[in-house]
Amino acid sequence: MEVENEFRKVSGIVKGYDIPKDGILVPYVGLKRAVITDSYGIFCLTVPKNNSVFIEIPICGALTIREIKTTDNNVIIDISEIEKSTKQILRSKQNWNKEKNKLLPILINIYNSTEYDRANNEYCF
């Protein structure tokens, strides 16, 4: 069964102490999908146009959740500023806990579609 979805590209960078972090795994929360940062700390996400998604970033040995909203085009994750972003991380975790039961089945369906595979190849490869 084919699902009709529209997608968009979200670019991001993971850095710490002004140094790009390469080889960082950036998984989608609740999905068996992830991207990895390149040698410049840059990653690319293909996300549904009309749905938020959540990603996990390893910071100081712990995974932190970050919400990618429908309005986000670029994401900067500075692991050296974890203390400054605590409120955002907490808000993202609260949003995920509130939305996951409704959102996760939708996202699983979307990310298992051939439309996603095509869009991901177009946007991020």
PDB file of N, CA and C in Angstrom:
ATOM      1  N   MET A   1       0.838  -1.178   0.000  1.00  0.00           N
ATOM      2  CA  MET A   1       0.000   0.000   0.000  1.00  0.00           C
ATOM      3  C   MET A   1       0.884   1.243   0.000  1.00  0.00           C
ATOM      4  N   GLU A   2       0.703   2.098  -0.950  1.00  0.00           N
ATOM      5  CA  GLU A   2       1.510   3.311  -1.104  1.00  0.00           C
ATOM      6  C   GLU A   2       0.888   4.454  -0.296  1.00  0.00           C
ATOM      7  N   VAL A   3       1.696   5.173   0.405  1.00  0.00           N
ATOM      8  CA  VAL A   3       1.247   6.300   1.204  1.00  0.00           C
ATOM      9  C   VAL A   3       1.660   7.571   0.489  1.00  0.00           C
ATOM     10  N   GLU A   4       0.762   8.546   0.413  1.00  0.00           N
ATOM     11  CA  GLU A   4       1.130   9.812  -0.223  1.00  0.00           C
ATOM     12  C   GLU A   4       1.636  10.777   0.832  1.00  0.00           C
ATOM     13  N   ASN A   5       2.863  11.197   0.662  1.00  0.00           N
ATOM     14  CA  ASN A   5       3.485  12.115   1.611  1.00  0.00           C
ATOM     15  C   ASN A   5       4.328  13.119   0.861  1.00  0.00           C
ATOM     16  N   GLU A   6       4.477  14.259   1.475  1.00  0.00           N
ATOM     17  CA  GLU A   6       5.425  15.243   0.974  1.00  0.00           C
ATOM     18  C   GLU A   6       6.547  15.334   1.989  1.00  0.00           C
ATOM     19  N   PHE A   7       7.746  15.555   1.477  1.00  0.00           N
ATOM     20  CA  PHE A   7       8.916  15.584   2.341  1.00  0.00           C
ATOM     21  C   PHE A   7       9.676  16.889   2.163  1.00  0.00           C
ATOM     22  N   ARG A   8      10.559  17.148   3.095  1.00  0.00           N
ATOM     23  CA  ARG A   8      11.445  18.298   3.015  1.00  0.00           C
ATOM     24  C   ARG A   8      12.783  17.902   3.622  1.00  0.00           C
ATOM     25  N   LYS A   9      13.775  18.692   3.292  1.00  0.00           N
ATOM     26  CA  LYS A   9      15.133  18.450   3.780  1.00  0.00           C
ATOM     27  C   LYS A   9      15.397  19.356   4.978  1.00  0.00           C
ATOM     28  N   VAL A  10      15.998  18.790   6.009  1.00  0.00           N
ATOM     29  CA  VAL A  10      16.483  19.560   7.149  1.00  0.00           C
ATOM     30  C   VAL A  10      17.974  19.278   7.259  1.00  0.00           C
ATOM     31  N   SER A  11      18.773  20.320   7.198  1.00  0.00           N
ATOM     32  CA  SER A  11      20.224  20.189   7.347  1.00  0.00           C
ATOM     33  C   SER A  11      20.589  20.437   8.798  1.00  0.00           C
ATOM     34  N   GLY A  12      21.646  19.805   9.230  1.00  0.00           N
ATOM     35  CA  GLY A  12      22.068  20.009  10.603  1.00  0.00           C
ATOM     36  C   GLY A  12      23.565  19.854  10.749  1.00  0.00           C
ATOM     37  N   ILE A  13      24.051  20.311  11.882  1.00  0.00           N
ATOM     38  CA  ILE A  13      25.466  20.156  12.217  1.00  0.00           C
ATOM     39  C   ILE A  13      25.565  19.833  13.705  1.00  0.00           C
ATOM     40  N   VAL A  14      26.467  18.930  14.023  1.00  0.00           N
ATOM     41  CA  VAL A  14      26.781  18.625  15.412  1.00  0.00           C
ATOM     42  C   VAL A  14      28.191  19.132  15.645  1.00  0.00           C
ATOM     43  N   LYS A  15      28.330  19.976  16.647  1.00  0.00           N
ATOM     44  CA  LYS A  15      29.656  20.506  16.966  1.00  0.00           C
ATOM     45  C   LYS A  15      29.811  20.574  18.476  1.00  0.00           C
ATOM     46  N   GLY A  16      31.035  20.742  18.890  1.00  0.00           N
ATOM     47  CA  GLY A  16      31.334  20.884  20.305  1.00  0.00           C
ATOM     48  C   GLY A  16      32.593  21.695  20.468  1.00  0.00           C
ATOM     49  N   TYR A  17      32.518  22.730  21.262  1.00  0.00           N
ATOM     50  CA  TYR A  17      33.659  23.616  21.481  1.00  0.00           C
ATOM     51  C   TYR A  17      34.207  24.125  20.152  1.00  0.00           C
ATOM     52  N   ASP A  18      33.270  24.528  19.279  1.00  0.00           N
ATOM     53  CA  ASP A  18      33.562  25.089  17.952  1.00  0.00           C
ATOM     54  C   ASP A  18      34.259  24.118  17.001  1.00  0.00           C
ATOM     55  N   ILE A  19      34.209  22.828  17.305  1.00  0.00           N
ATOM     56  CA  ILE A  19      34.806  21.819  16.429  1.00  0.00           C
ATOM     57  C   ILE A  19      33.689  20.911  15.921  1.00  0.00           C
ATOM     58  N   PRO A  20      33.571  20.745  14.593  1.00  0.00           N
ATOM     59  CA  PRO A  20      32.560  19.822  14.058  1.00  0.00           C
ATOM     60  C   PRO A  20      32.823  18.401  14.546  1.00  0.00           C
ATOM     61  N   LYS A  21      31.769  17.688  14.832  1.00  0.00           N
ATOM     62  CA  LYS A  21      31.885  16.315  15.326  1.00  0.00           C
ATOM     63  C   LYS A  21      31.491  15.344  14.221  1.00  0.00           C
ATOM     64  N   ASP A  22      32.480  14.629  13.707  1.00  0.00           N
ATOM     65  CA  ASP A  22      32.192  13.669  12.642  1.00  0.00           C
ATOM     66  C   ASP A  22      31.882  12.296  13.227  1.00  0.00           C
ATOM     67  N   GLY A  23      31.134  11.517  12.466  1.00  0.00           N
ATOM     68  CA  GLY A  23      30.826  10.158  12.873  1.00  0.00           C
ATOM     69  C   GLY A  23      29.820  10.036  14.002  1.00  0.00           C
ATOM     70  N   ILE A  24      29.038  11.082  14.250  1.00  0.00           N
ATOM     71  CA  ILE A  24      28.021  11.032  15.305  1.00  0.00           C
ATOM     72  C   ILE A  24      26.740  10.440  14.719  1.00  0.00           C
ATOM     73  N   LEU A  25      26.226   9.407  15.349  1.00  0.00           N
ATOM     74  CA  LEU A  25      24.980   8.793  14.924  1.00  0.00           C
ATOM     75  C   LEU A  25      23.814   9.665  15.387  1.00  0.00           C
ATOM     76  N   VAL A  26      22.918   9.981  14.467  1.00  0.00           N
ATOM     77  CA  VAL A  26      21.744  10.805  14.769  1.00  0.00           C
ATOM     78  C   VAL A  26      20.502   9.973  14.423  1.00  0.00           C
ATOM     79  N   PRO A  27      19.995   9.193  15.398  1.00  0.00           N
ATOM     80  CA  PRO A  27      18.830   8.355  15.113  1.00  0.00           C
ATOM     81  C   PRO A  27      17.508   9.108  15.286  1.00  0.00           C
ATOM     82  N   TYR A  28      16.535   8.698  14.477  1.00  0.00           N
ATOM     83  CA  TYR A  28      15.163   9.159  14.673  1.00  0.00           C
ATOM     84  C   TYR A  28      14.618   8.402  15.877  1.00  0.00           C
ATOM     85  N   VAL A  29      13.955   9.078  16.798  1.00  0.00           N
ATOM     86  CA  VAL A  29      13.417   8.435  17.993  1.00  0.00           C
ATOM     87  C   VAL A  29      12.286   7.483  17.593  1.00  0.00           C
ATOM     88  N   GLY A  30      12.356   6.256  18.086  1.00  0.00           N
ATOM     89  CA  GLY A  30      11.300   5.281  17.873  1.00  0.00           C
ATOM     90  C   GLY A  30      11.311   4.598  16.521  1.00  0.00           C
ATOM     91  N   LEU A  31      12.226   4.972  15.649  1.00  0.00           N
ATOM     92  CA  LEU A  31      12.297   4.387  14.312  1.00  0.00           C
ATOM     93  C   LEU A  31      13.627   3.671  14.147  1.00  0.00           C
ATOM     94  N   LYS A  32      13.672   2.746  13.242  1.00  0.00           N
ATOM     95  CA  LYS A  32      14.929   2.045  12.967  1.00  0.00           C
ATOM     96  C   LYS A  32      15.640   2.740  11.819  1.00  0.00           C
ATOM     97  N   ARG A  33      15.800   4.027  11.946  1.00  0.00           N
ATOM     98  CA  ARG A  33      16.474   4.850  10.927  1.00  0.00           C
ATOM     99  C   ARG A  33      17.397   5.827  11.647  1.00  0.00           C
ATOM    100  N   ALA A  34      18.511   6.110  11.001  1.00  0.00           N
ATOM    101  CA  ALA A  34      19.461   7.065  11.568  1.00  0.00           C
ATOM    102  C   ALA A  34      20.308   7.627  10.437  1.00  0.00           C
ATOM    103  N   VAL A  35      20.923   8.744  10.708  1.00  0.00           N
ATOM    104  CA  VAL A  35      21.922   9.309   9.802  1.00  0.00           C
ATOM    105  C   VAL A  35      23.196   9.490  10.614  1.00  0.00           C
ATOM    106  N   ILE A  36      24.279   9.756   9.925  1.00  0.00           N
ATOM    107  CA  ILE A  36      25.562   9.936  10.607  1.00  0.00           C
ATOM    108  C   ILE A  36      26.203  11.215  10.087  1.00  0.00           C
ATOM    109  N   THR A  37      26.874  11.929  10.970  1.00  0.00           N
ATOM    110  CA  THR A  37      27.506  13.178  10.544  1.00  0.00           C
ATOM    111  C   THR A  37      28.736  12.883   9.696  1.00  0.00           C
ATOM    112  N   ASP A  38      28.997  13.784   8.740  1.00  0.00           N
ATOM    113  CA  ASP A  38      30.185  13.631   7.895  1.00  0.00           C
ATOM    114  C   ASP A  38      31.397  14.245   8.585  1.00  0.00           C
ATOM    115  N   SER A  39      32.489  14.364   7.876  1.00  0.00           N
ATOM    116  CA  SER A  39      33.732  14.868   8.478  1.00  0.00           C
ATOM    117  C   SER A  39      33.636  16.326   8.901  1.00  0.00           C
ATOM    118  N   TYR A  40      32.595  17.018   8.467  1.00  0.00           N
ATOM    119  CA  TYR A  40      32.377  18.411   8.866  1.00  0.00           C
ATOM    120  C   TYR A  40      31.285  18.529   9.926  1.00  0.00           C
ATOM    121  N   GLY A  41      30.815  17.403  10.444  1.00  0.00           N
ATOM    122  CA  GLY A  41      29.768  17.403  11.460  1.00  0.00           C
ATOM    123  C   GLY A  41      28.370  17.607  10.898  1.00  0.00           C
ATOM    124  N   ILE A  42      28.241  17.578   9.576  1.00  0.00           N
ATOM    125  CA  ILE A  42      26.966  17.879   8.922  1.00  0.00           C
ATOM    126  C   ILE A  42      26.154  16.602   8.717  1.00  0.00           C
ATOM    127  N   PHE A  43      24.842  16.742   8.913  1.00  0.00           N
ATOM    128  CA  PHE A  43      23.936  15.641   8.612  1.00  0.00           C
ATOM    129  C   PHE A  43      22.729  16.179   7.861  1.00  0.00           C
ATOM    130  N   CYS A  44      22.024  15.279   7.207  1.00  0.00           N
ATOM    131  CA  CYS A  44      20.849  15.631   6.420  1.00  0.00           C
ATOM    132  C   CYS A  44      19.702  14.712   6.818  1.00  0.00           C
ATOM    133  N   LEU A  45      18.556  15.306   7.093  1.00  0.00           N
ATOM    134  CA  LEU A  45      17.358  14.543   7.413  1.00  0.00           C
ATOM    135  C   LEU A  45      16.315  14.767   6.330  1.00  0.00           C
ATOM    136  N   THR A  46      15.650  13.723   5.938  1.00  0.00           N
ATOM    137  CA  THR A  46      14.475  13.831   5.086  1.00  0.00           C
ATOM    138  C   THR A  46      13.288  13.609   6.011  1.00  0.00           C
ATOM    139  N   VAL A  47      12.465  14.638   6.161  1.00  0.00           N
ATOM    140  CA  VAL A  47      11.372  14.577   7.131  1.00  0.00           C
ATOM    141  C   VAL A  47      10.039  14.868   6.451  1.00  0.00           C
ATOM    142  N   PRO A  48       8.954  14.343   7.020  1.00  0.00           N
ATOM    143  CA  PRO A  48       7.638  14.654   6.472  1.00  0.00           C
ATOM    144  C   PRO A  48       7.367  16.153   6.577  1.00  0.00           C
ATOM    145  N   LYS A  49       6.779  16.697   5.531  1.00  0.00           N
ATOM    146  CA  LYS A  49       6.528  18.136   5.480  1.00  0.00           C
ATOM    147  C   LYS A  49       5.582  18.601   6.588  1.00  0.00           C
ATOM    148  N   ASN A  50       4.609  17.777   6.951  1.00  0.00           N
ATOM    149  CA  ASN A  50       3.563  18.208   7.878  1.00  0.00           C
ATOM    150  C   ASN A  50       3.603  17.523   9.234  1.00  0.00           C
ATOM    151  N   ASN A  51       4.720  16.888   9.574  1.00  0.00           N
ATOM    152  CA  ASN A  51       4.847  16.238  10.873  1.00  0.00           C
ATOM    153  C   ASN A  51       6.177  16.594  11.507  1.00  0.00           C
ATOM    154  N   SER A  52       6.149  16.803  12.806  1.00  0.00           N
ATOM    155  CA  SER A  52       7.396  16.912  13.550  1.00  0.00           C
ATOM    156  C   SER A  52       7.996  15.521  13.665  1.00  0.00           C
ATOM    157  N   VAL A  53       9.311  15.470  13.785  1.00  0.00           N
ATOM    158  CA  VAL A  53       9.997  14.219  14.106  1.00  0.00           C
ATOM    159  C   VAL A  53      10.933  14.518  15.267  1.00  0.00           C
ATOM    160  N   PHE A  54      11.402  13.480  15.898  1.00  0.00           N
ATOM    161  CA  PHE A  54      12.300  13.642  17.032  1.00  0.00           C
ATOM    162  C   PHE A  54      13.570  12.859  16.746  1.00  0.00           C
ATOM    163  N   ILE A  55      14.715  13.454  17.093  1.00  0.00           N
ATOM    164  CA  ILE A  55      16.002  12.787  16.930  1.00  0.00           C
ATOM    165  C   ILE A  55      16.669  12.684  18.294  1.00  0.00           C
ATOM    166  N   GLU A  56      17.616  11.773  18.396  1.00  0.00           N
ATOM    167  CA  GLU A  56      18.391  11.610  19.619  1.00  0.00           C
ATOM    168  C   GLU A  56      19.837  11.975  19.336  1.00  0.00           C
ATOM    169  N   ILE A  57      20.428  12.715  20.228  1.00  0.00           N
ATOM    170  CA  ILE A  57      21.828  13.103  20.088  1.00  0.00           C
ATOM    171  C   ILE A  57      22.568  12.652  21.343  1.00  0.00           C
ATOM    172  N   PRO A  58      23.665  11.916  21.175  1.00  0.00           N
ATOM    173  CA  PRO A  58      24.430  11.520  22.351  1.00  0.00           C
ATOM    174  C   PRO A  58      25.253  12.697  22.880  1.00  0.00           C
ATOM    175  N   ILE A  59      24.993  13.080  24.111  1.00  0.00           N
ATOM    176  CA  ILE A  59      25.741  14.173  24.739  1.00  0.00           C
ATOM    177  C   ILE A  59      26.201  13.690  26.109  1.00  0.00           C
ATOM    178  N   CYS A  60      27.483  13.704  26.313  1.00  0.00           N
ATOM    179  CA  CYS A  60      28.079  13.285  27.587  1.00  0.00           C
ATOM    180  C   CYS A  60      27.596  11.903  28.014  1.00  0.00           C
ATOM    181  N   GLY A  61      27.527  10.980  27.069  1.00  0.00           N
ATOM    182  CA  GLY A  61      27.143   9.617  27.389  1.00  0.00           C
ATOM    183  C   GLY A  61      25.651   9.377  27.522  1.00  0.00           C
ATOM    184  N   ALA A  62      24.849  10.424  27.417  1.00  0.00           N
ATOM    185  CA  ALA A  62      23.398  10.276  27.520  1.00  0.00           C
ATOM    186  C   ALA A  62      22.751  10.690  26.203  1.00  0.00           C
ATOM    187  N   LEU A  63      21.639  10.057  25.879  1.00  0.00           N
ATOM    188  CA  LEU A  63      20.909  10.448  24.680  1.00  0.00           C
ATOM    189  C   LEU A  63      19.930  11.557  25.028  1.00  0.00           C
ATOM    190  N   THR A  64      19.961  12.601  24.253  1.00  0.00           N
ATOM    191  CA  THR A  64      19.033  13.702  24.463  1.00  0.00           C
ATOM    192  C   THR A  64      18.126  13.809  23.247  1.00  0.00           C
ATOM    193  N   ILE A  65      16.882  14.119  23.495  1.00  0.00           N
ATOM    194  CA  ILE A  65      15.895  14.201  22.421  1.00  0.00           C
ATOM    195  C   ILE A  65      15.779  15.634  21.937  1.00  0.00           C
ATOM    196  N   ARG A  66      15.697  15.775  20.629  1.00  0.00           N
ATOM    197  CA  ARG A  66      15.528  17.094  20.007  1.00  0.00           C
ATOM    198  C   ARG A  66      14.366  17.007  19.028  1.00  0.00           C
ATOM    199  N   GLU A  67      13.410  17.901  19.165  1.00  0.00           N
ATOM    200  CA  GLU A  67      12.275  17.935  18.250  1.00  0.00           C
ATOM    201  C   GLU A  67      12.649  18.703  16.991  1.00  0.00           C
ATOM    202  N   ILE A  68      12.342  18.137  15.847  1.00  0.00           N
ATOM    203  CA  ILE A  68      12.491  18.819  14.566  1.00  0.00           C
ATOM    204  C   ILE A  68      11.080  19.215  14.149  1.00  0.00           C
ATOM    205  N   LYS A  69      10.796  20.488  14.265  1.00  0.00           N
ATOM    206  CA  LYS A  69       9.447  20.991  13.989  1.00  0.00           C
ATOM    207  C   LYS A  69       9.248  21.204  12.494  1.00  0.00           C
ATOM    208  N   THR A  70       8.011  21.377  12.108  1.00  0.00           N
ATOM    209  CA  THR A  70       7.685  21.563  10.693  1.00  0.00           C
ATOM    210  C   THR A  70       8.260  22.859  10.145  1.00  0.00           C
ATOM    211  N   THR A  71       8.666  23.762  11.010  1.00  0.00           N
ATOM    212  CA  THR A  71       9.244  25.042  10.576  1.00  0.00           C
ATOM    213  C   THR A  71      10.768  25.028  10.547  1.00  0.00           C
ATOM    214  N   ASP A  72      11.392  23.972  11.049  1.00  0.00           N
ATOM    215  CA  ASP A  72      12.856  23.896  11.094  1.00  0.00           C
ATOM    216  C   ASP A  72      13.430  23.531   9.730  1.00  0.00           C
ATOM    217  N   ASN A  73      14.433  24.295   9.303  1.00  0.00           N
ATOM    218  CA  ASN A  73      15.173  23.987   8.076  1.00  0.00           C
ATOM    219  C   ASN A  73      16.620  23.626   8.367  1.00  0.00           C
ATOM    220  N   ASN A  74      17.168  24.229   9.411  1.00  0.00           N
ATOM    221  CA  ASN A  74      18.553  23.996   9.814  1.00  0.00           C
ATOM    222  C   ASN A  74      18.588  23.774  11.317  1.00  0.00           C
ATOM    223  N   VAL A  75      19.404  22.817  11.735  1.00  0.00           N
ATOM    224  CA  VAL A  75      19.515  22.476  13.142  1.00  0.00           C
ATOM    225  C   VAL A  75      20.983  22.534  13.527  1.00  0.00           C
ATOM    226  N   ILE A  76      21.287  23.265  14.576  1.00  0.00           N
ATOM    227  CA  ILE A  76      22.652  23.303  15.106  1.00  0.00           C
ATOM    228  C   ILE A  76      22.613  22.673  16.487  1.00  0.00           C
ATOM    229  N   ILE A  77      23.402  21.641  16.661  1.00  0.00           N
ATOM    230  CA  ILE A  77      23.478  20.966  17.945  1.00  0.00           C
ATOM    231  C   ILE A  77      24.886  21.152  18.463  1.00  0.00           C
ATOM    232  N   ASP A  78      25.007  21.968  19.488  1.00  0.00           N
ATOM    233  CA  ASP A  78      26.311  22.263  20.076  1.00  0.00           C
ATOM    234  C   ASP A  78      26.408  21.516  21.395  1.00  0.00           C
ATOM    235  N   ILE A  79      27.129  20.406  21.389  1.00  0.00           N
ATOM    236  CA  ILE A  79      27.195  19.584  22.587  1.00  0.00           C
ATOM    237  C   ILE A  79      27.973  20.249  23.720  1.00  0.00           C
ATOM    238  N   SER A  80      28.717  21.302  23.413  1.00  0.00           N
ATOM    239  CA  SER A  80      29.429  22.017  24.472  1.00  0.00           C
ATOM    240  C   SER A  80      28.506  22.974  25.217  1.00  0.00           C
ATOM    241  N   GLU A  81      27.311  23.201  24.692  1.00  0.00           N
ATOM    242  CA  GLU A  81      26.362  24.112  25.336  1.00  0.00           C
ATOM    243  C   GLU A  81      25.171  23.365  25.915  1.00  0.00           C
ATOM    244  N   ILE A  82      25.415  22.159  26.401  1.00  0.00           N
ATOM    245  CA  ILE A  82      24.337  21.335  26.918  1.00  0.00           C
ATOM    246  C   ILE A  82      23.589  22.019  28.056  1.00  0.00           C
ATOM    247  N   GLU A  83      24.302  22.710  28.925  1.00  0.00           N
ATOM    248  CA  GLU A  83      23.636  23.360  30.050  1.00  0.00           C
ATOM    249  C   GLU A  83      22.681  24.448  29.584  1.00  0.00           C
ATOM    250  N   LYS A  84      23.043  25.141  28.498  1.00  0.00           N
ATOM    251  CA  LYS A  84      22.188  26.203  27.978  1.00  0.00           C
ATOM    252  C   LYS A  84      20.948  25.654  27.286  1.00  0.00           C
ATOM    253  N   SER A  85      21.024  24.421  26.795  1.00  0.00           N
ATOM    254  CA  SER A  85      19.901  23.869  26.033  1.00  0.00           C
ATOM    255  C   SER A  85      19.054  22.890  26.842  1.00  0.00           C
ATOM    256  N   THR A  86      19.242  22.849  28.156  1.00  0.00           N
ATOM    257  CA  THR A  86      18.494  21.924  29.001  1.00  0.00           C
ATOM    258  C   THR A  86      16.991  22.127  28.877  1.00  0.00           C
ATOM    259  N   LYS A  87      16.541  23.371  28.848  1.00  0.00           N
ATOM    260  CA  LYS A  87      15.102  23.641  28.732  1.00  0.00           C
ATOM    261  C   LYS A  87      14.549  23.114  27.415  1.00  0.00           C
ATOM    262  N   GLN A  88      15.297  23.306  26.335  1.00  0.00           N
ATOM    263  CA  GLN A  88      14.851  22.823  25.027  1.00  0.00           C
ATOM    264  C   GLN A  88      14.790  21.295  25.016  1.00  0.00           C
ATOM    265  N   ILE A  89      15.771  20.644  25.616  1.00  0.00           N
ATOM    266  CA  ILE A  89      15.795  19.185  25.678  1.00  0.00           C
ATOM    267  C   ILE A  89      14.608  18.673  26.488  1.00  0.00           C
ATOM    268  N   LEU A  90      14.347  19.291  27.637  1.00  0.00           N
ATOM    269  CA  LEU A  90      13.206  18.895  28.460  1.00  0.00           C
ATOM    270  C   LEU A  90      11.890  19.083  27.722  1.00  0.00           C
ATOM    271  N   ARG A  91      11.759  20.207  27.039  1.00  0.00           N
ATOM    272  CA  ARG A  91      10.545  20.486  26.266  1.00  0.00           C
ATOM    273  C   ARG A  91      10.370  19.443  25.161  1.00  0.00           C
ATOM    274  N   SER A  92      11.461  19.091  24.486  1.00  0.00           N
ATOM    275  CA  SER A  92      11.397  18.075  23.433  1.00  0.00           C
ATOM    276  C   SER A  92      10.989  16.718  24.002  1.00  0.00           C
ATOM    277  N   LYS A  93      11.553  16.342  25.154  1.00  0.00           N
ATOM    278  CA  LYS A  93      11.184  15.069  25.782  1.00  0.00           C
ATOM    279  C   LYS A  93       9.711  15.067  26.173  1.00  0.00           C
ATOM    280  N   GLN A  94       9.237  16.176  26.728  1.00  0.00           N
ATOM    281  CA  GLN A  94       7.825  16.274  27.102  1.00  0.00           C
ATOM    282  C   GLN A  94       6.931  16.173  25.871  1.00  0.00           C
ATOM    283  N   ASN A  95       7.312  16.862  24.793  1.00  0.00           N
ATOM    284  CA  ASN A  95       6.530  16.797  23.557  1.00  0.00           C
ATOM    285  C   ASN A  95       6.515  15.380  23.001  1.00  0.00           C
ATOM    286  N   TRP A  96       7.672  14.710  23.014  1.00  0.00           N
ATOM    287  CA  TRP A  96       7.734  13.334  22.519  1.00  0.00           C
ATOM    288  C   TRP A  96       6.825  12.433  23.350  1.00  0.00           C
ATOM    289  N   ASN A  97       6.926  12.525  24.668  1.00  0.00           N
ATOM    290  CA  ASN A  97       6.099  11.681  25.532  1.00  0.00           C
ATOM    291  C   ASN A  97       4.607  11.932  25.318  1.00  0.00           C
ATOM    292  N   LYS A  98       4.261  13.166  25.035  1.00  0.00           N
ATOM    293  CA  LYS A  98       2.863  13.528  24.797  1.00  0.00           C
ATOM    294  C   LYS A  98       2.380  13.035  23.429  1.00  0.00           C
ATOM    295  N   GLU A  99       3.244  13.086  22.420  1.00  0.00           N
ATOM    296  CA  GLU A  99       2.849  12.810  21.038  1.00  0.00           C
ATOM    297  C   GLU A  99       3.146  11.394  20.551  1.00  0.00           C
ATOM    298  N   LYS A 100       4.010  10.650  21.243  1.00  0.00           N
ATOM    299  CA  LYS A 100       4.536   9.410  20.663  1.00  0.00           C
ATOM    300  C   LYS A 100       3.472   8.372  20.326  1.00  0.00           C
ATOM    301  N   ASN A 101       2.451   8.215  21.147  1.00  0.00           N
ATOM    302  CA  ASN A 101       1.439   7.193  20.857  1.00  0.00           C
ATOM    303  C   ASN A 101       0.673   7.487  19.574  1.00  0.00           C
ATOM    304  N   LYS A 102       0.443   8.754  19.293  1.00  0.00           N
ATOM    305  CA  LYS A 102      -0.255   9.142  18.073  1.00  0.00           C
ATOM    306  C   LYS A 102       0.714   9.238  16.891  1.00  0.00           C
ATOM    307  N   LEU A 103       1.898   9.799  17.130  1.00  0.00           N
ATOM    308  CA  LEU A 103       2.835  10.112  16.057  1.00  0.00           C
ATOM    309  C   LEU A 103       3.619   8.899  15.552  1.00  0.00           C
ATOM    310  N   LEU A 104       4.015   8.011  16.441  1.00  0.00           N
ATOM    311  CA  LEU A 104       4.894   6.908  16.052  1.00  0.00           C
ATOM    312  C   LEU A 104       4.302   6.006  14.963  1.00  0.00           C
ATOM    313  N   PRO A 105       3.043   5.561  15.051  1.00  0.00           N
ATOM    314  CA  PRO A 105       2.501   4.742  13.953  1.00  0.00           C
ATOM    315  C   PRO A 105       2.491   5.481  12.612  1.00  0.00           C
ATOM    316  N   ILE A 106       2.231   6.767  12.642  1.00  0.00           N
ATOM    317  CA  ILE A 106       2.240   7.577  11.418  1.00  0.00           C
ATOM    318  C   ILE A 106       3.649   7.615  10.836  1.00  0.00           C
ATOM    319  N   LEU A 107       4.641   7.890  11.690  1.00  0.00           N
ATOM    320  CA  LEU A 107       6.022   7.990  11.217  1.00  0.00           C
ATOM    321  C   LEU A 107       6.558   6.650  10.725  1.00  0.00           C
ATOM    322  N   ILE A 108       6.199   5.569  11.398  1.00  0.00           N
ATOM    323  CA  ILE A 108       6.645   4.245  10.940  1.00  0.00           C
ATOM    324  C   ILE A 108       6.110   3.983   9.538  1.00  0.00           C
ATOM    325  N   ASN A 109       4.853   4.299   9.313  1.00  0.00           N
ATOM    326  CA  ASN A 109       4.243   4.122   7.996  1.00  0.00           C
ATOM    327  C   ASN A 109       4.948   4.984   6.949  1.00  0.00           C
ATOM    328  N   ILE A 110       5.220   6.227   7.300  1.00  0.00           N
ATOM    329  CA  ILE A 110       5.884   7.152   6.375  1.00  0.00           C
ATOM    330  C   ILE A 110       7.298   6.679   6.045  1.00  0.00           C
ATOM    331  N   TYR A 111       8.077   6.358   7.077  1.00  0.00           N
ATOM    332  CA  TYR A 111       9.482   6.015   6.862  1.00  0.00           C
ATOM    333  C   TYR A 111       9.684   4.629   6.249  1.00  0.00           C
ATOM    334  N   ASN A 112       8.639   3.819   6.199  1.00  0.00           N
ATOM    335  CA  ASN A 112       8.723   2.529   5.513  1.00  0.00           C
ATOM    336  C   ASN A 112       8.175   2.594   4.095  1.00  0.00           C
ATOM    337  N   SER A 113       7.820   3.780   3.635  1.00  0.00           N
ATOM    338  CA  SER A 113       7.238   3.931   2.297  1.00  0.00           C
ATOM    339  C   SER A 113       8.325   4.090   1.230  1.00  0.00           C
ATOM    340  N   THR A 114       7.994   3.703   0.015  1.00  0.00           N
ATOM    341  CA  THR A 114       8.920   3.908  -1.097  1.00  0.00           C
ATOM    342  C   THR A 114       9.051   5.397  -1.416  1.00  0.00           C
ATOM    343  N   GLU A 115       8.005   6.165  -1.098  1.00  0.00           N
ATOM    344  CA  GLU A 115       8.086   7.619  -1.299  1.00  0.00           C
ATOM    345  C   GLU A 115       9.200   8.223  -0.457  1.00  0.00           C
ATOM    346  N   TYR A 116       9.321   7.753   0.791  1.00  0.00           N
ATOM    347  CA  TYR A 116      10.402   8.246   1.643  1.00  0.00           C
ATOM    348  C   TYR A 116      11.753   7.891   1.028  1.00  0.00           C
ATOM    349  N   ASP A 117      11.908   6.654   0.596  1.00  0.00           N
ATOM    350  CA  ASP A 117      13.188   6.235   0.010  1.00  0.00           C
ATOM    351  C   ASP A 117      13.556   7.109  -1.182  1.00  0.00           C
ATOM    352  N   ARG A 118      12.580   7.391  -2.032  1.00  0.00           N
ATOM    353  CA  ARG A 118      12.836   8.258  -3.189  1.00  0.00           C
ATOM    354  C   ARG A 118      13.212   9.673  -2.749  1.00  0.00           C
ATOM    355  N   ALA A 119      12.447  10.224  -1.821  1.00  0.00           N
ATOM    356  CA  ALA A 119      12.724  11.585  -1.348  1.00  0.00           C
ATOM    357  C   ALA A 119      14.086  11.655  -0.670  1.00  0.00           C
ATOM    358  N   ASN A 120      14.415  10.662   0.137  1.00  0.00           N
ATOM    359  CA  ASN A 120      15.696  10.647   0.829  1.00  0.00           C
ATOM    360  C   ASN A 120      16.852  10.598  -0.166  1.00  0.00           C
ATOM    361  N   ASN A 121      16.724   9.797  -1.211  1.00  0.00           N
ATOM    362  CA  ASN A 121      17.766   9.753  -2.244  1.00  0.00           C
ATOM    363  C   ASN A 121      17.890  11.089  -2.962  1.00  0.00           C
ATOM    364  N   GLU A 122      16.780  11.768  -3.148  1.00  0.00           N
ATOM    365  CA  GLU A 122      16.806  13.064  -3.828  1.00  0.00           C
ATOM    366  C   GLU A 122      17.391  14.167  -2.948  1.00  0.00           C
ATOM    367  N   TYR A 123      17.002  14.203  -1.677  1.00  0.00           N
ATOM    368  CA  TYR A 123      17.404  15.298  -0.798  1.00  0.00           C
ATOM    369  C   TYR A 123      18.775  15.118  -0.161  1.00  0.00           C
ATOM    370  N   CYS A 124      19.101  13.902   0.214  1.00  0.00           N
ATOM    371  CA  CYS A 124      20.271  13.711   1.076  1.00  0.00           C
ATOM    372  C   CYS A 124      21.390  12.874   0.470  1.00  0.00           C
ATOM    373  N   PHE A 125      21.278  12.480  -0.793  1.00  0.00           N
ATOM    374  CA  PHE A 125      22.369  11.710  -1.396  1.00  0.00           C
ATOM    375  C   PHE A 125      22.746  12.270  -2.730  1.00  0.00           C
TER     376      PHE A 125
END
